[in-house]
């Protein structure tokens, strides 16, 4: 059985390693644009220079799994075609290309490896007293602003979004805001209409100068599924059945951010369970057993506020927020353990 995994993020890596464990006859090839596994949940640390987030694929993949550096142009009938014209045949393929960012002109995206590296270099070159603006009030924006502010207290850091920190509710929301205030991050609850020549213009009027403007909004996915003729939703995510298979081709599984799983948002915490389930489904099929449908289940949301502080709020299975939450060092330790666990699960194929 030939299996091709397109993408080596959390979902792709876990799927490949889990299949290698469970389907001994599988010949697995992982195709990725770069030779490294990138811990996307730590990109804010890459930007601030507080951690290195890339690990060579060779040290992440189980023995016997082949890897190939390249960009997939499309998934054709039983084959993956690369942009250099080469092709790799498959019996089953896993589409795990994740999500991407569509930055506003004049900004540097922080949700991709390439963007985060550009931001790291630019940030390191800023002299004391410079201003950094982070656009995006979700978890990516909050973590980026907090990490930069803690690592570079000599800079003026600002975060802009229609409602910064509103991924949380009740007292957890207030705790996120007070954590940003502690780090001297200025919070602007407004939208941005444009960034021109270092000037950030706000939706409700007003503007301010910014020496480095970071785009911390993850939106949309690479168009590989659509380009391959697969049915996609409005965001370009591949439509899947109850078993995470493309509705157009049962040989193609789609997992993680690029899969249109009803009720799912972009999150590593959802990508890994989907990858594990899809790998288990392939194992069941290889044994002639009936697959089981995937069941989406949320547990919590969390955001770091520098290295020693965080906020975690528990959720119901449908992702609605509970009032219960944890903060401070305890939350930071839990968040760090979850981040390490994500990488460990991807490398061993044991994540769920």
C-alpha atoms as a PDB file:
ATOM      1  CA  UNK A   1       0.000   0.000   0.000  1.00  0.00           C
ATOM      2  CA  UNK A   2       1.422   3.350  -1.069  1.00  0.00           C
ATOM      3  CA  UNK A   3       0.506   6.327   1.137  1.00  0.00           C
ATOM      4  CA  UNK A   4       1.433   9.935   0.379  1.00  0.00           C
ATOM      5  CA  UNK A   5       1.117  12.606   3.069  1.00  0.00           C
ATOM      6  CA  UNK A   6       1.075  16.165   1.756  1.00  0.00           C
ATOM      7  CA  UNK A   7       2.213  18.516   4.504  1.00  0.00           C
ATOM      8  CA  UNK A   8       4.416  17.900   7.540  1.00  0.00           C
ATOM      9  CA  UNK A   9       2.772  19.978  10.215  1.00  0.00           C
ATOM     10  CA  UNK A  10       1.173  18.520  13.317  1.00  0.00           C
ATOM     11  CA  UNK A  11      -1.549  16.700  11.368  1.00  0.00           C
ATOM     12  CA  UNK A  12       0.638  15.393   8.550  1.00  0.00           C
ATOM     13  CA  UNK A  13       3.451  14.297  10.827  1.00  0.00           C
ATOM     14  CA  UNK A  14       1.160  12.477  13.242  1.00  0.00           C
ATOM     15  CA  UNK A  15      -0.721  10.788  10.402  1.00  0.00           C
ATOM     16  CA  UNK A  16       2.480   9.506   8.777  1.00  0.00           C
ATOM     17  CA  UNK A  17       3.971   8.172  12.007  1.00  0.00           C
ATOM     18  CA  UNK A  18       0.705   6.619  13.162  1.00  0.00           C
ATOM     19  CA  UNK A  19       0.180   4.845   9.838  1.00  0.00           C
ATOM     20  CA  UNK A  20       3.731   3.492  10.048  1.00  0.00           C
ATOM     21  CA  UNK A  21       2.884   2.040  13.468  1.00  0.00           C
ATOM     22  CA  UNK A  22      -0.478   0.582  12.528  1.00  0.00           C
ATOM     23  CA  UNK A  23      -0.162  -0.422   8.858  1.00  0.00           C
ATOM     24  CA  UNK A  24       3.080  -2.356   8.537  1.00  0.00           C
ATOM     25  CA  UNK A  25       2.671  -2.869   4.787  1.00  0.00           C
ATOM     26  CA  UNK A  26       2.396   0.846   4.065  1.00  0.00           C
ATOM     27  CA  UNK A  27       5.058   2.580   1.977  1.00  0.00           C
ATOM     28  CA  UNK A  28       4.804   6.154   3.211  1.00  0.00           C
ATOM     29  CA  UNK A  29       6.134   9.304   1.560  1.00  0.00           C
ATOM     30  CA  UNK A  30       5.826  12.726   3.206  1.00  0.00           C
ATOM     31  CA  UNK A  31       6.031  15.754   0.920  1.00  0.00           C
ATOM     32  CA  UNK A  32       6.658  19.173   2.447  1.00  0.00           C
ATOM     33  CA  UNK A  33       7.853  22.550   1.109  1.00  0.00           C
ATOM     34  CA  UNK A  34      10.699  22.673   3.626  1.00  0.00           C
ATOM     35  CA  UNK A  35      12.956  20.029   5.240  1.00  0.00           C
ATOM     36  CA  UNK A  36      11.697  20.806   8.741  1.00  0.00           C
ATOM     37  CA  UNK A  37       8.724  20.262  10.998  1.00  0.00           C
ATOM     38  CA  UNK A  38       7.649  23.665  12.321  1.00  0.00           C
ATOM     39  CA  UNK A  39       5.929  24.104  15.681  1.00  0.00           C
ATOM     40  CA  UNK A  40       3.409  26.683  14.549  1.00  0.00           C
ATOM     41  CA  UNK A  41       2.091  27.117  18.083  1.00  0.00           C
ATOM     42  CA  UNK A  42       5.509  28.564  18.961  1.00  0.00           C
ATOM     43  CA  UNK A  43       5.989  30.964  16.053  1.00  0.00           C
ATOM     44  CA  UNK A  44       5.563  33.921  18.406  1.00  0.00           C
ATOM     45  CA  UNK A  45       8.633  32.628  20.247  1.00  0.00           C
ATOM     46  CA  UNK A  46      10.536  32.374  16.977  1.00  0.00           C
ATOM     47  CA  UNK A  47       9.732  36.033  16.283  1.00  0.00           C
ATOM     48  CA  UNK A  48      10.855  37.192  19.725  1.00  0.00           C
ATOM     49  CA  UNK A  49      13.965  35.026  19.650  1.00  0.00           C
ATOM     50  CA  UNK A  50      12.953  33.045  22.730  1.00  0.00           C
ATOM     51  CA  UNK A  51      12.865  29.628  21.023  1.00  0.00           C
ATOM     52  CA  UNK A  52      13.814  27.788  17.857  1.00  0.00           C
ATOM     53  CA  UNK A  53      10.757  26.099  16.367  1.00  0.00           C
ATOM     54  CA  UNK A  54      12.058  24.064  13.421  1.00  0.00           C
ATOM     55  CA  UNK A  55      13.130  20.403  13.715  1.00  0.00           C
ATOM     56  CA  UNK A  56      14.525  18.373  10.774  1.00  0.00           C
ATOM     57  CA  UNK A  57      11.990  15.950   9.310  1.00  0.00           C
ATOM     58  CA  UNK A  58      14.542  13.157   9.541  1.00  0.00           C
ATOM     59  CA  UNK A  59      14.443  13.311  13.338  1.00  0.00           C
ATOM     60  CA  UNK A  60      10.646  13.465  13.439  1.00  0.00           C
ATOM     61  CA  UNK A  61       9.742  10.580  11.125  1.00  0.00           C
ATOM     62  CA  UNK A  62       9.807   6.913  12.046  1.00  0.00           C
ATOM     63  CA  UNK A  63      12.282   4.628  10.307  1.00  0.00           C
ATOM     64  CA  UNK A  64      11.148   3.608   6.869  1.00  0.00           C
ATOM     65  CA  UNK A  65       9.154   6.760   6.095  1.00  0.00           C
ATOM     66  CA  UNK A  66      10.500   8.624   3.078  1.00  0.00           C
ATOM     67  CA  UNK A  67      10.430  12.418   2.920  1.00  0.00           C
ATOM     68  CA  UNK A  68      10.644  14.698  -0.067  1.00  0.00           C
ATOM     69  CA  UNK A  69      11.093  18.459  -0.115  1.00  0.00           C
ATOM     70  CA  UNK A  70       8.838  20.005  -2.721  1.00  0.00           C
ATOM     71  CA  UNK A  71       5.588  21.818  -3.423  1.00  0.00           C
ATOM     72  CA  UNK A  72       2.589  19.843  -4.625  1.00  0.00           C
ATOM     73  CA  UNK A  73       0.884  21.360  -7.651  1.00  0.00           C
ATOM     74  CA  UNK A  74      -2.172  19.119  -7.561  1.00  0.00           C
ATOM     75  CA  UNK A  75      -3.527  15.780  -6.481  1.00  0.00           C
ATOM     76  CA  UNK A  76      -4.554  13.927  -9.614  1.00  0.00           C
ATOM     77  CA  UNK A  77      -6.155  10.517 -10.130  1.00  0.00           C
ATOM     78  CA  UNK A  78      -4.032   8.280  -7.933  1.00  0.00           C
ATOM     79  CA  UNK A  79      -0.998  10.538  -8.055  1.00  0.00           C
ATOM     80  CA  UNK A  80       0.491  13.647  -6.498  1.00  0.00           C
ATOM     81  CA  UNK A  81       2.056  16.025  -9.033  1.00  0.00           C
ATOM     82  CA  UNK A  82       4.840  18.348  -7.856  1.00  0.00           C
ATOM     83  CA  UNK A  83       5.542  21.773  -9.307  1.00  0.00           C
ATOM     84  CA  UNK A  84       8.758  20.471 -10.893  1.00  0.00           C
ATOM     85  CA  UNK A  85       6.714  17.999 -12.947  1.00  0.00           C
ATOM     86  CA  UNK A  86       7.579  14.920 -10.906  1.00  0.00           C
ATOM     87  CA  UNK A  87       4.778  12.713  -9.602  1.00  0.00           C
ATOM     88  CA  UNK A  88       4.286  10.216  -6.786  1.00  0.00           C
ATOM     89  CA  UNK A  89       1.630   7.499  -7.064  1.00  0.00           C
ATOM     90  CA  UNK A  90      -0.572   6.567  -4.131  1.00  0.00           C
ATOM     91  CA  UNK A  91      -3.243   4.174  -3.009  1.00  0.00           C
ATOM     92  CA  UNK A  92      -4.224   6.646  -0.294  1.00  0.00           C
ATOM     93  CA  UNK A  93      -3.293  10.290   0.191  1.00  0.00           C
ATOM     94  CA  UNK A  94      -3.528  12.546   3.221  1.00  0.00           C
ATOM     95  CA  UNK A  95      -4.070  16.238   2.558  1.00  0.00           C
ATOM     96  CA  UNK A  96      -2.613  18.098   5.553  1.00  0.00           C
ATOM     97  CA  UNK A  97      -1.432  21.474   4.244  1.00  0.00           C
ATOM     98  CA  UNK A  98      -2.786  23.482   7.173  1.00  0.00           C
ATOM     99  CA  UNK A  99      -3.905  27.109   7.022  1.00  0.00           C
ATOM    100  CA  UNK A 100      -2.255  30.281   5.828  1.00  0.00           C
ATOM    101  CA  UNK A 101      -2.330  34.058   6.144  1.00  0.00           C
ATOM    102  CA  UNK A 102      -3.384  36.752   3.702  1.00  0.00           C
ATOM    103  CA  UNK A 103      -1.561  39.797   5.061  1.00  0.00           C
ATOM    104  CA  UNK A 104      -2.534  43.380   4.442  1.00  0.00           C
ATOM    105  CA  UNK A 105       0.048  45.229   2.309  1.00  0.00           C
ATOM    106  CA  UNK A 106       2.636  46.883   4.497  1.00  0.00           C
ATOM    107  CA  UNK A 107       2.555  44.129   7.145  1.00  0.00           C
ATOM    108  CA  UNK A 108       4.569  40.995   7.886  1.00  0.00           C
ATOM    109  CA  UNK A 109       2.504  37.812   8.492  1.00  0.00           C
ATOM    110  CA  UNK A 110       3.395  35.881  11.657  1.00  0.00           C
ATOM    111  CA  UNK A 111       1.277  32.761  11.114  1.00  0.00           C
ATOM    112  CA  UNK A 112       3.687  31.146   8.647  1.00  0.00           C
ATOM    113  CA  UNK A 113       7.312  30.041   9.029  1.00  0.00           C
ATOM    114  CA  UNK A 114       8.538  32.377   6.302  1.00  0.00           C
ATOM    115  CA  UNK A 115       6.667  35.346   7.721  1.00  0.00           C
ATOM    116  CA  UNK A 116       7.777  34.655  11.282  1.00  0.00           C
ATOM    117  CA  UNK A 117      11.393  34.487  10.158  1.00  0.00           C
ATOM    118  CA  UNK A 118      11.074  37.823   8.361  1.00  0.00           C
ATOM    119  CA  UNK A 119       9.516  39.287  11.488  1.00  0.00           C
ATOM    120  CA  UNK A 120      12.322  37.906  13.680  1.00  0.00           C
ATOM    121  CA  UNK A 121      15.009  39.532  11.554  1.00  0.00           C
ATOM    122  CA  UNK A 122      13.138  42.841  11.370  1.00  0.00           C
ATOM    123  CA  UNK A 123      12.441  42.870  15.114  1.00  0.00           C
ATOM    124  CA  UNK A 124      16.059  42.144  15.997  1.00  0.00           C
ATOM    125  CA  UNK A 125      17.137  45.141  13.904  1.00  0.00           C
ATOM    126  CA  UNK A 126      14.798  47.629  15.602  1.00  0.00           C
ATOM    127  CA  UNK A 127      16.534  50.165  17.855  1.00  0.00           C
ATOM    128  CA  UNK A 128      15.315  50.923  21.359  1.00  0.00           C
ATOM    129  CA  UNK A 129      12.212  53.103  21.456  1.00  0.00           C
ATOM    130  CA  UNK A 130      10.759  51.757  18.212  1.00  0.00           C
ATOM    131  CA  UNK A 131       7.082  50.919  17.873  1.00  0.00           C
ATOM    132  CA  UNK A 132       5.743  47.443  16.985  1.00  0.00           C
ATOM    133  CA  UNK A 133       2.096  47.011  16.024  1.00  0.00           C
ATOM    134  CA  UNK A 134       0.385  43.626  16.030  1.00  0.00           C
ATOM    135  CA  UNK A 135      -2.825  43.433  13.993  1.00  0.00           C
ATOM    136  CA  UNK A 136      -5.186  40.716  15.194  1.00  0.00           C
ATOM    137  CA  UNK A 137      -6.949  40.359  18.518  1.00  0.00           C
ATOM    138  CA  UNK A 138      -7.150  36.557  18.613  1.00  0.00           C
ATOM    139  CA  UNK A 139      -4.773  34.103  20.254  1.00  0.00           C
ATOM    140  CA  UNK A 140      -2.065  34.548  17.600  1.00  0.00           C
ATOM    141  CA  UNK A 141      -2.079  38.307  18.045  1.00  0.00           C
ATOM    142  CA  UNK A 142      -2.185  38.229  21.838  1.00  0.00           C
ATOM    143  CA  UNK A 143       0.665  35.732  22.118  1.00  0.00           C
ATOM    144  CA  UNK A 144       2.781  37.616  19.595  1.00  0.00           C
ATOM    145  CA  UNK A 145       2.300  40.983  21.268  1.00  0.00           C
ATOM    146  CA  UNK A 146       2.958  39.565  24.739  1.00  0.00           C
ATOM    147  CA  UNK A 147       6.065  37.628  23.691  1.00  0.00           C
ATOM    148  CA  UNK A 148       7.587  40.616  21.898  1.00  0.00           C
ATOM    149  CA  UNK A 149       6.798  42.954  24.790  1.00  0.00           C
ATOM    150  CA  UNK A 150       8.390  40.643  27.339  1.00  0.00           C
ATOM    151  CA  UNK A 151      11.476  39.920  25.225  1.00  0.00           C
ATOM    152  CA  UNK A 152      11.968  43.560  24.167  1.00  0.00           C
ATOM    153  CA  UNK A 153      10.788  45.841  26.986  1.00  0.00           C
ATOM    154  CA  UNK A 154      12.693  48.659  25.273  1.00  0.00           C
ATOM    155  CA  UNK A 155      10.071  48.733  22.498  1.00  0.00           C
ATOM    156  CA  UNK A 156       6.558  50.178  22.428  1.00  0.00           C
ATOM    157  CA  UNK A 157       4.168  47.354  21.583  1.00  0.00           C
ATOM    158  CA  UNK A 158       0.571  47.822  20.453  1.00  0.00           C
ATOM    159  CA  UNK A 159      -2.119  45.265  19.563  1.00  0.00           C
ATOM    160  CA  UNK A 160      -5.061  46.233  17.354  1.00  0.00           C
ATOM    161  CA  UNK A 161      -8.254  44.269  16.751  1.00  0.00           C
ATOM    162  CA  UNK A 162     -12.023  44.799  16.801  1.00  0.00           C
ATOM    163  CA  UNK A 163     -12.201  43.123  20.222  1.00  0.00           C
ATOM    164  CA  UNK A 164      -8.823  42.032  21.548  1.00  0.00           C
ATOM    165  CA  UNK A 165      -8.962  38.890  23.679  1.00  0.00           C
ATOM    166  CA  UNK A 166     -12.584  38.038  22.941  1.00  0.00           C
ATOM    167  CA  UNK A 167     -11.716  34.394  22.328  1.00  0.00           C
ATOM    168  CA  UNK A 168     -12.275  34.301  26.094  1.00  0.00           C
ATOM    169  CA  UNK A 169     -15.192  35.440  28.232  1.00  0.00           C
ATOM    170  CA  UNK A 170     -16.085  36.525  31.740  1.00  0.00           C
ATOM    171  CA  UNK A 171     -13.137  36.957  34.091  1.00  0.00           C
ATOM    172  CA  UNK A 172     -10.783  35.052  31.790  1.00  0.00           C
ATOM    173  CA  UNK A 173     -11.164  37.841  29.229  1.00  0.00           C
ATOM    174  CA  UNK A 174     -10.353  40.445  31.870  1.00  0.00           C
ATOM    175  CA  UNK A 175      -7.318  38.415  32.894  1.00  0.00           C
ATOM    176  CA  UNK A 176      -6.021  38.384  29.308  1.00  0.00           C
ATOM    177  CA  UNK A 177      -6.383  42.145  29.142  1.00  0.00           C
ATOM    178  CA  UNK A 178      -4.684  42.712  32.490  1.00  0.00           C
ATOM    179  CA  UNK A 179      -1.854  40.419  31.418  1.00  0.00           C
ATOM    180  CA  UNK A 180      -1.263  42.581  28.346  1.00  0.00           C
ATOM    181  CA  UNK A 181      -1.427  45.695  30.521  1.00  0.00           C
ATOM    182  CA  UNK A 182       1.194  44.223  32.865  1.00  0.00           C
ATOM    183  CA  UNK A 183       3.524  43.853  29.890  1.00  0.00           C
ATOM    184  CA  UNK A 184       2.777  47.450  28.877  1.00  0.00           C
ATOM    185  CA  UNK A 185       1.079  46.401  25.635  1.00  0.00           C
ATOM    186  CA  UNK A 186      -1.258  49.136  24.435  1.00  0.00           C
ATOM    187  CA  UNK A 187      -4.636  47.678  23.392  1.00  0.00           C
ATOM    188  CA  UNK A 188      -6.639  49.300  20.594  1.00  0.00           C
ATOM    189  CA  UNK A 189     -10.109  47.834  20.040  1.00  0.00           C
ATOM    190  CA  UNK A 190     -10.571  48.866  16.436  1.00  0.00           C
ATOM    191  CA  UNK A 191     -10.219  47.558  12.917  1.00  0.00           C
ATOM    192  CA  UNK A 192      -7.476  48.501  10.473  1.00  0.00           C
ATOM    193  CA  UNK A 193      -8.233  49.840   6.992  1.00  0.00           C
ATOM    194  CA  UNK A 194      -4.691  50.059   5.706  1.00  0.00           C
ATOM    195  CA  UNK A 195      -0.977  50.356   6.403  1.00  0.00           C
ATOM    196  CA  UNK A 196       0.851  52.912   4.273  1.00  0.00           C
ATOM    197  CA  UNK A 197       4.492  53.969   4.652  1.00  0.00           C
ATOM    198  CA  UNK A 198       4.605  52.894   8.267  1.00  0.00           C
ATOM    199  CA  UNK A 199       1.268  54.479   9.181  1.00  0.00           C
ATOM    200  CA  UNK A 200      -1.559  52.263  10.485  1.00  0.00           C
ATOM    201  CA  UNK A 201      -5.007  53.657   9.685  1.00  0.00           C
ATOM    202  CA  UNK A 202      -7.965  52.729  11.879  1.00  0.00           C
ATOM    203  CA  UNK A 203     -11.525  51.938  10.794  1.00  0.00           C
ATOM    204  CA  UNK A 204     -13.164  54.410  13.165  1.00  0.00           C
ATOM    205  CA  UNK A 205     -10.762  57.201  12.365  1.00  0.00           C
ATOM    206  CA  UNK A 206      -7.279  58.003  13.520  1.00  0.00           C
ATOM    207  CA  UNK A 207      -3.844  56.698  12.599  1.00  0.00           C
ATOM    208  CA  UNK A 208      -0.469  56.112  14.182  1.00  0.00           C
ATOM    209  CA  UNK A 209       3.093  55.441  13.111  1.00  0.00           C
ATOM    210  CA  UNK A 210       4.563  51.956  13.347  1.00  0.00           C
ATOM    211  CA  UNK A 211       8.155  50.891  12.723  1.00  0.00           C
ATOM    212  CA  UNK A 212       7.180  47.218  12.319  1.00  0.00           C
ATOM    213  CA  UNK A 213       3.629  46.025  11.699  1.00  0.00           C
ATOM    214  CA  UNK A 214       2.859  42.331  12.158  1.00  0.00           C
ATOM    215  CA  UNK A 215      -0.194  40.600  10.671  1.00  0.00           C
ATOM    216  CA  UNK A 216      -1.423  38.063  13.243  1.00  0.00           C
ATOM    217  CA  UNK A 217      -4.598  36.857  11.550  1.00  0.00           C
ATOM    218  CA  UNK A 218      -4.690  33.322  10.167  1.00  0.00           C
ATOM    219  CA  UNK A 219      -7.326  33.035   7.459  1.00  0.00           C
ATOM    220  CA  UNK A 220      -7.977  30.617   4.652  1.00  0.00           C
ATOM    221  CA  UNK A 221      -6.001  27.637   3.461  1.00  0.00           C
ATOM    222  CA  UNK A 222      -3.703  26.878   0.520  1.00  0.00           C
ATOM    223  CA  UNK A 223      -5.757  26.300  -2.634  1.00  0.00           C
ATOM    224  CA  UNK A 224      -4.384  22.810  -3.319  1.00  0.00           C
ATOM    225  CA  UNK A 225      -7.746  21.075  -2.775  1.00  0.00           C
ATOM    226  CA  UNK A 226      -9.599  23.441  -5.104  1.00  0.00           C
ATOM    227  CA  UNK A 227      -6.774  23.340  -7.648  1.00  0.00           C
ATOM    228  CA  UNK A 228      -7.034  19.560  -7.624  1.00  0.00           C
ATOM    229  CA  UNK A 229     -10.737  19.680  -8.452  1.00  0.00           C
ATOM    230  CA  UNK A 230     -11.956  18.624  -5.015  1.00  0.00           C
ATOM    231  CA  UNK A 231     -15.086  20.213  -3.583  1.00  0.00           C
ATOM    232  CA  UNK A 232     -14.284  22.912  -1.028  1.00  0.00           C
ATOM    233  CA  UNK A 233     -16.186  25.270   1.254  1.00  0.00           C
ATOM    234  CA  UNK A 234     -16.133  29.077   1.116  1.00  0.00           C
ATOM    235  CA  UNK A 235     -12.737  29.146   2.842  1.00  0.00           C
ATOM    236  CA  UNK A 236     -11.203  26.644   0.444  1.00  0.00           C
ATOM    237  CA  UNK A 237     -11.210  23.721   2.875  1.00  0.00           C
ATOM    238  CA  UNK A 238     -11.800  20.276   1.379  1.00  0.00           C
ATOM    239  CA  UNK A 239     -15.275  18.896   1.997  1.00  0.00           C
ATOM    240  CA  UNK A 240     -15.091  15.577   3.828  1.00  0.00           C
ATOM    241  CA  UNK A 241     -17.422  12.772   4.826  1.00  0.00           C
ATOM    242  CA  UNK A 242     -17.947  11.453   8.350  1.00  0.00           C
ATOM    243  CA  UNK A 243     -14.651   9.539   8.108  1.00  0.00           C
ATOM    244  CA  UNK A 244     -12.563  12.576   7.022  1.00  0.00           C
ATOM    245  CA  UNK A 245     -12.342  11.411   3.411  1.00  0.00           C
ATOM    246  CA  UNK A 246     -12.862  13.755   0.488  1.00  0.00           C
ATOM    247  CA  UNK A 247     -16.461  13.640  -0.705  1.00  0.00           C
ATOM    248  CA  UNK A 248     -15.044  13.323  -4.232  1.00  0.00           C
ATOM    249  CA  UNK A 249     -12.448  10.594  -3.715  1.00  0.00           C
ATOM    250  CA  UNK A 250     -12.441   8.102  -0.825  1.00  0.00           C
ATOM    251  CA  UNK A 251      -8.729   7.526  -1.340  1.00  0.00           C
ATOM    252  CA  UNK A 252      -7.989  11.061  -0.163  1.00  0.00           C
ATOM    253  CA  UNK A 253      -8.191  11.982   3.518  1.00  0.00           C
ATOM    254  CA  UNK A 254      -8.180  15.662   4.542  1.00  0.00           C
ATOM    255  CA  UNK A 255      -7.142  16.540   8.093  1.00  0.00           C
ATOM    256  CA  UNK A 256      -6.359  19.622  10.122  1.00  0.00           C
ATOM    257  CA  UNK A 257      -7.029  23.217   9.141  1.00  0.00           C
ATOM    258  CA  UNK A 258      -7.491  22.372   5.441  1.00  0.00           C
ATOM    259  CA  UNK A 259     -10.425  20.006   6.143  1.00  0.00           C
ATOM    260  CA  UNK A 260     -13.993  21.324   6.261  1.00  0.00           C
ATOM    261  CA  UNK A 261     -15.036  19.464   9.393  1.00  0.00           C
ATOM    262  CA  UNK A 262     -18.363  20.923  10.616  1.00  0.00           C
ATOM    263  CA  UNK A 263     -17.819  23.002  13.745  1.00  0.00           C
ATOM    264  CA  UNK A 264     -14.021  22.989  13.525  1.00  0.00           C
ATOM    265  CA  UNK A 265     -11.876  26.102  13.804  1.00  0.00           C
ATOM    266  CA  UNK A 266      -8.196  26.487  12.994  1.00  0.00           C
ATOM    267  CA  UNK A 267      -6.336  24.844  15.881  1.00  0.00           C
ATOM    268  CA  UNK A 268      -3.516  22.382  16.507  1.00  0.00           C
ATOM    269  CA  UNK A 269      -5.709  20.841  19.202  1.00  0.00           C
ATOM    270  CA  UNK A 270      -8.147  19.760  16.493  1.00  0.00           C
ATOM    271  CA  UNK A 271      -5.616  18.867  13.799  1.00  0.00           C
ATOM    272  CA  UNK A 272      -3.983  16.074  15.768  1.00  0.00           C
ATOM    273  CA  UNK A 273      -7.182  14.220  16.767  1.00  0.00           C
ATOM    274  CA  UNK A 274      -8.340  14.374  13.157  1.00  0.00           C
ATOM    275  CA  UNK A 275      -5.030  12.992  11.904  1.00  0.00           C
ATOM    276  CA  UNK A 276      -5.108  10.209  14.478  1.00  0.00           C
ATOM    277  CA  UNK A 277      -8.668   9.275  13.541  1.00  0.00           C
ATOM    278  CA  UNK A 278      -7.929   9.278   9.807  1.00  0.00           C
ATOM    279  CA  UNK A 279      -4.861   7.076  10.341  1.00  0.00           C
ATOM    280  CA  UNK A 280      -6.953   4.703  12.457  1.00  0.00           C
ATOM    281  CA  UNK A 281      -9.555   4.626   9.699  1.00  0.00           C
ATOM    282  CA  UNK A 282      -6.949   3.629   7.138  1.00  0.00           C
ATOM    283  CA  UNK A 283      -5.743   0.900   9.481  1.00  0.00           C
ATOM    284  CA  UNK A 284      -9.300  -0.391   9.844  1.00  0.00           C
ATOM    285  CA  UNK A 285      -9.826  -0.395   6.090  1.00  0.00           C
ATOM    286  CA  UNK A 286      -6.547  -2.250   5.536  1.00  0.00           C
ATOM    287  CA  UNK A 287      -7.810  -4.962   7.886  1.00  0.00           C
ATOM    288  CA  UNK A 288     -11.212  -5.173   6.203  1.00  0.00           C
ATOM    289  CA  UNK A 289     -12.949  -3.596   9.193  1.00  0.00           C
ATOM    290  CA  UNK A 290     -15.703  -0.978   9.143  1.00  0.00           C
ATOM    291  CA  UNK A 291     -14.481   2.559   9.869  1.00  0.00           C
ATOM    292  CA  UNK A 292     -15.959   4.685  12.613  1.00  0.00           C
ATOM    293  CA  UNK A 293     -17.155   8.281  12.116  1.00  0.00           C
ATOM    294  CA  UNK A 294     -15.090  11.135  13.511  1.00  0.00           C
ATOM    295  CA  UNK A 295     -16.508  12.995  16.514  1.00  0.00           C
ATOM    296  CA  UNK A 296     -15.422  16.586  17.143  1.00  0.00           C
ATOM    297  CA  UNK A 297     -14.814  17.486  20.781  1.00  0.00           C
ATOM    298  CA  UNK A 298     -13.354  20.616  22.354  1.00  0.00           C
ATOM    299  CA  UNK A 299     -11.760  20.827  25.801  1.00  0.00           C
ATOM    300  CA  UNK A 300     -10.285  24.291  26.370  1.00  0.00           C
ATOM    301  CA  UNK A 301      -8.712  27.426  24.937  1.00  0.00           C
ATOM    302  CA  UNK A 302      -5.413  28.855  26.108  1.00  0.00           C
ATOM    303  CA  UNK A 303      -3.099  31.764  25.399  1.00  0.00           C
ATOM    304  CA  UNK A 304       0.351  32.584  26.740  1.00  0.00           C
ATOM    305  CA  UNK A 305       1.250  36.040  28.040  1.00  0.00           C
ATOM    306  CA  UNK A 306       5.019  35.765  27.934  1.00  0.00           C
ATOM    307  CA  UNK A 307       6.981  32.845  29.338  1.00  0.00           C
ATOM    308  CA  UNK A 308       5.607  32.842  32.882  1.00  0.00           C
ATOM    309  CA  UNK A 309       1.952  33.713  32.487  1.00  0.00           C
ATOM    310  CA  UNK A 310      -1.031  32.344  30.573  1.00  0.00           C
ATOM    311  CA  UNK A 311      -4.818  32.067  30.623  1.00  0.00           C
ATOM    312  CA  UNK A 312      -6.676  28.849  29.953  1.00  0.00           C
ATOM    313  CA  UNK A 313     -10.473  28.670  29.817  1.00  0.00           C
ATOM    314  CA  UNK A 314     -12.384  25.406  29.762  1.00  0.00           C
ATOM    315  CA  UNK A 315     -14.990  24.785  27.095  1.00  0.00           C
ATOM    316  CA  UNK A 316     -17.910  22.491  26.522  1.00  0.00           C
ATOM    317  CA  UNK A 317     -17.537  19.849  23.798  1.00  0.00           C
ATOM    318  CA  UNK A 318     -19.208  22.212  21.302  1.00  0.00           C
ATOM    319  CA  UNK A 319     -16.566  24.921  22.041  1.00  0.00           C
ATOM    320  CA  UNK A 320     -18.883  27.164  24.030  1.00  0.00           C
ATOM    321  CA  UNK A 321     -17.033  28.705  26.951  1.00  0.00           C
ATOM    322  CA  UNK A 322     -17.370  27.677  30.568  1.00  0.00           C
ATOM    323  CA  UNK A 323     -16.660  30.181  33.317  1.00  0.00           C
ATOM    324  CA  UNK A 324     -13.911  28.018  34.847  1.00  0.00           C
ATOM    325  CA  UNK A 325     -10.366  29.076  33.955  1.00  0.00           C
ATOM    326  CA  UNK A 326      -6.758  28.933  35.167  1.00  0.00           C
ATOM    327  CA  UNK A 327      -4.090  31.619  35.048  1.00  0.00           C
ATOM    328  CA  UNK A 328      -0.530  32.511  35.957  1.00  0.00           C
ATOM    329  CA  UNK A 329       2.343  30.074  36.186  1.00  0.00           C
ATOM    330  CA  UNK A 330       0.006  27.104  36.493  1.00  0.00           C
ATOM    331  CA  UNK A 331      -1.640  27.955  33.193  1.00  0.00           C
ATOM    332  CA  UNK A 332       1.763  28.642  31.609  1.00  0.00           C
ATOM    333  CA  UNK A 333       3.027  25.212  32.668  1.00  0.00           C
ATOM    334  CA  UNK A 334      -0.112  23.505  31.347  1.00  0.00           C
ATOM    335  CA  UNK A 335       0.189  25.376  28.033  1.00  0.00           C
ATOM    336  CA  UNK A 336       3.860  24.444  27.751  1.00  0.00           C
ATOM    337  CA  UNK A 337       3.090  20.794  28.449  1.00  0.00           C
ATOM    338  CA  UNK A 338       0.390  20.858  25.785  1.00  0.00           C
ATOM    339  CA  UNK A 339       2.822  22.364  23.266  1.00  0.00           C
ATOM    340  CA  UNK A 340       5.464  19.755  24.052  1.00  0.00           C
ATOM    341  CA  UNK A 341       2.823  17.055  23.933  1.00  0.00           C
ATOM    342  CA  UNK A 342       1.753  18.167  20.477  1.00  0.00           C
ATOM    343  CA  UNK A 343       5.248  17.743  19.125  1.00  0.00           C
ATOM    344  CA  UNK A 344       5.783  14.454  20.955  1.00  0.00           C
ATOM    345  CA  UNK A 345       2.497  13.061  19.660  1.00  0.00           C
ATOM    346  CA  UNK A 346       3.343  14.098  16.107  1.00  0.00           C
ATOM    347  CA  UNK A 347       6.783  12.477  16.314  1.00  0.00           C
ATOM    348  CA  UNK A 348       5.616   9.232  17.860  1.00  0.00           C
ATOM    349  CA  UNK A 349       2.210   8.938  16.218  1.00  0.00           C
ATOM    350  CA  UNK A 350       0.627   8.528  19.632  1.00  0.00           C
ATOM    351  CA  UNK A 351      -1.248  11.830  19.797  1.00  0.00           C
ATOM    352  CA  UNK A 352      -5.027  11.830  19.899  1.00  0.00           C
END
